[in-house]
């Protein structure tokens, strides 16, 4: 199982980014079961951001509700995180995760400057 995250970058406050996670070696049922995004800021523990489960049910951390949207493309085996209204506190390395396989991507850096 490989998870390749991309789409990070540097933006100013209020900007937007779209992260993408490409999953390979993942069977469809496992992919649709639960895929998530987490983040880790310098000096802090990794924290949950959002996930998407079977039937398309989504869950978000309170600090991103209304700003971030998780989605997926089952055919392409990709999970996306649309991030709008970015704040400096969103600066972190963002990781995608397959819960079924307990696998993590390599992370993509997001930096938000004021």
Protein backbone atom coordinates (compact mmCIF):
# COMPACT_ATOMS: atom_id res chain seq x y z
CA UNK A 1 0.00 0.00 0.00
CA UNK A 2 1.34 3.41 -0.97
CA UNK A 3 -0.19 6.78 -0.26
CA UNK A 4 1.25 9.75 -2.10
CA UNK A 5 0.17 13.18 -0.87
CA UNK A 6 0.64 16.31 -2.91
CA UNK A 7 -0.69 19.82 -3.37
CA UNK A 8 0.88 21.57 -0.42
CA UNK A 9 2.53 24.94 -0.70
CA UNK A 10 2.78 28.42 0.72
CA UNK A 11 -0.21 30.74 0.73
CA UNK A 12 -1.29 33.89 2.47
CA UNK A 13 -4.01 34.11 5.07
CA UNK A 14 -7.39 33.51 3.52
CA UNK A 15 -5.96 31.57 0.62
CA UNK A 16 -6.86 28.12 -0.63
CA UNK A 17 -5.09 24.88 -1.42
CA UNK A 18 -6.27 21.51 -2.61
CA UNK A 19 -4.42 18.50 -1.33
CA UNK A 20 -4.52 15.21 -3.14
CA UNK A 21 -3.69 11.72 -1.95
CA UNK A 22 -3.15 8.95 -4.46
CA UNK A 23 -3.59 5.45 -3.10
CA UNK A 24 -2.04 2.46 -4.83
CA UNK A 25 -2.19 -1.18 -3.87
CA UNK A 26 -5.51 -0.57 -2.13
CA UNK A 27 -8.57 -2.64 -2.87
CA UNK A 28 -11.72 -0.61 -3.49
CA UNK A 29 -13.58 -1.75 -0.39
CA UNK A 30 -10.69 -0.72 1.82
CA UNK A 31 -10.32 2.59 0.03
CA UNK A 32 -13.97 3.49 0.47
CA UNK A 33 -14.10 2.23 4.03
CA UNK A 34 -12.17 5.08 5.62
CA UNK A 35 -9.61 7.51 4.29
CA UNK A 36 -8.50 10.48 6.29
CA UNK A 37 -6.31 13.53 6.54
CA UNK A 38 -4.20 14.39 9.56
CA UNK A 39 -1.71 17.13 10.22
CA UNK A 40 1.29 17.78 12.39
CA UNK A 41 2.57 21.22 13.24
CA UNK A 42 6.13 21.80 14.51
CA UNK A 43 6.42 20.77 18.14
CA UNK A 44 2.90 19.36 18.24
CA UNK A 45 1.36 15.93 18.01
CA UNK A 46 -0.28 14.68 14.86
CA UNK A 47 -3.98 15.49 14.88
CA UNK A 48 -7.08 14.45 13.01
CA UNK A 49 -8.38 16.81 10.35
CA UNK A 50 -11.07 14.98 8.38
CA UNK A 51 -12.09 11.60 7.10
CA UNK A 52 -14.51 10.10 4.64
CA UNK A 53 -16.12 6.74 5.17
CA UNK A 54 -18.30 4.35 3.21
CA UNK A 55 -21.54 5.90 2.01
CA UNK A 56 -19.62 9.16 1.76
CA UNK A 57 -20.07 10.13 5.39
CA UNK A 58 -17.55 12.80 6.35
CA UNK A 59 -16.19 13.93 9.68
CA UNK A 60 -14.22 17.05 10.46
CA UNK A 61 -12.25 18.42 13.35
CA UNK A 62 -13.98 21.44 14.83
CA UNK A 63 -11.16 23.75 13.83
CA UNK A 64 -11.70 23.09 10.10
CA UNK A 65 -15.47 22.81 9.90
CA UNK A 66 -16.85 25.16 7.31
CA UNK A 67 -13.44 25.74 5.75
CA UNK A 68 -12.16 22.34 4.62
CA UNK A 69 -13.92 19.75 2.49
CA UNK A 70 -12.84 16.14 2.04
CA UNK A 71 -13.85 14.20 -1.04
CA UNK A 72 -12.73 11.17 -2.99
CA UNK A 73 -12.64 9.66 -6.44
CA UNK A 74 -13.09 5.92 -6.13
CA UNK A 75 -12.11 5.23 -9.72
CA UNK A 76 -8.84 7.11 -9.42
CA UNK A 77 -8.29 5.98 -5.83
CA UNK A 78 -7.70 9.57 -4.77
CA UNK A 79 -8.74 11.52 -1.72
CA UNK A 80 -8.82 15.29 -1.74
CA UNK A 81 -8.82 17.99 0.89
CA UNK A 82 -10.02 21.35 -0.30
CA UNK A 83 -8.81 23.97 2.15
CA UNK A 84 -10.31 27.44 2.06
CA UNK A 85 -9.95 30.35 4.40
CA UNK A 86 -6.52 29.22 5.50
CA UNK A 87 -5.10 30.57 8.74
CA UNK A 88 -1.54 30.68 10.07
CA UNK A 89 -2.47 27.98 12.57
CA UNK A 90 -3.20 25.64 9.66
CA UNK A 91 0.52 25.54 8.95
CA UNK A 92 1.59 21.92 9.24
CA UNK A 93 2.60 18.82 7.37
CA UNK A 94 -0.55 17.14 6.13
CA UNK A 95 -0.76 13.38 5.88
CA UNK A 96 -3.32 11.09 4.36
CA UNK A 97 -4.13 7.80 5.99
CA UNK A 98 -5.83 4.56 5.19
CA UNK A 99 -7.47 3.35 8.37
CA UNK A 100 -7.99 -0.19 7.09
CA UNK A 101 -4.34 -0.64 6.21
CA UNK A 102 -3.08 1.68 8.96
CA UNK A 103 -0.90 3.23 6.29
CA UNK A 104 0.35 6.81 6.08
CA UNK A 105 1.46 8.95 3.18
CA UNK A 106 4.72 10.87 3.27
CA UNK A 107 3.10 14.21 4.02
CA UNK A 108 2.89 17.51 2.21
CA UNK A 109 3.83 20.84 3.74
CA UNK A 110 1.27 23.62 4.03
CA UNK A 111 2.48 27.04 5.12
CA UNK A 112 0.14 29.95 5.72
CA UNK A 113 1.65 33.36 6.22
CA UNK A 114 0.04 36.58 7.35
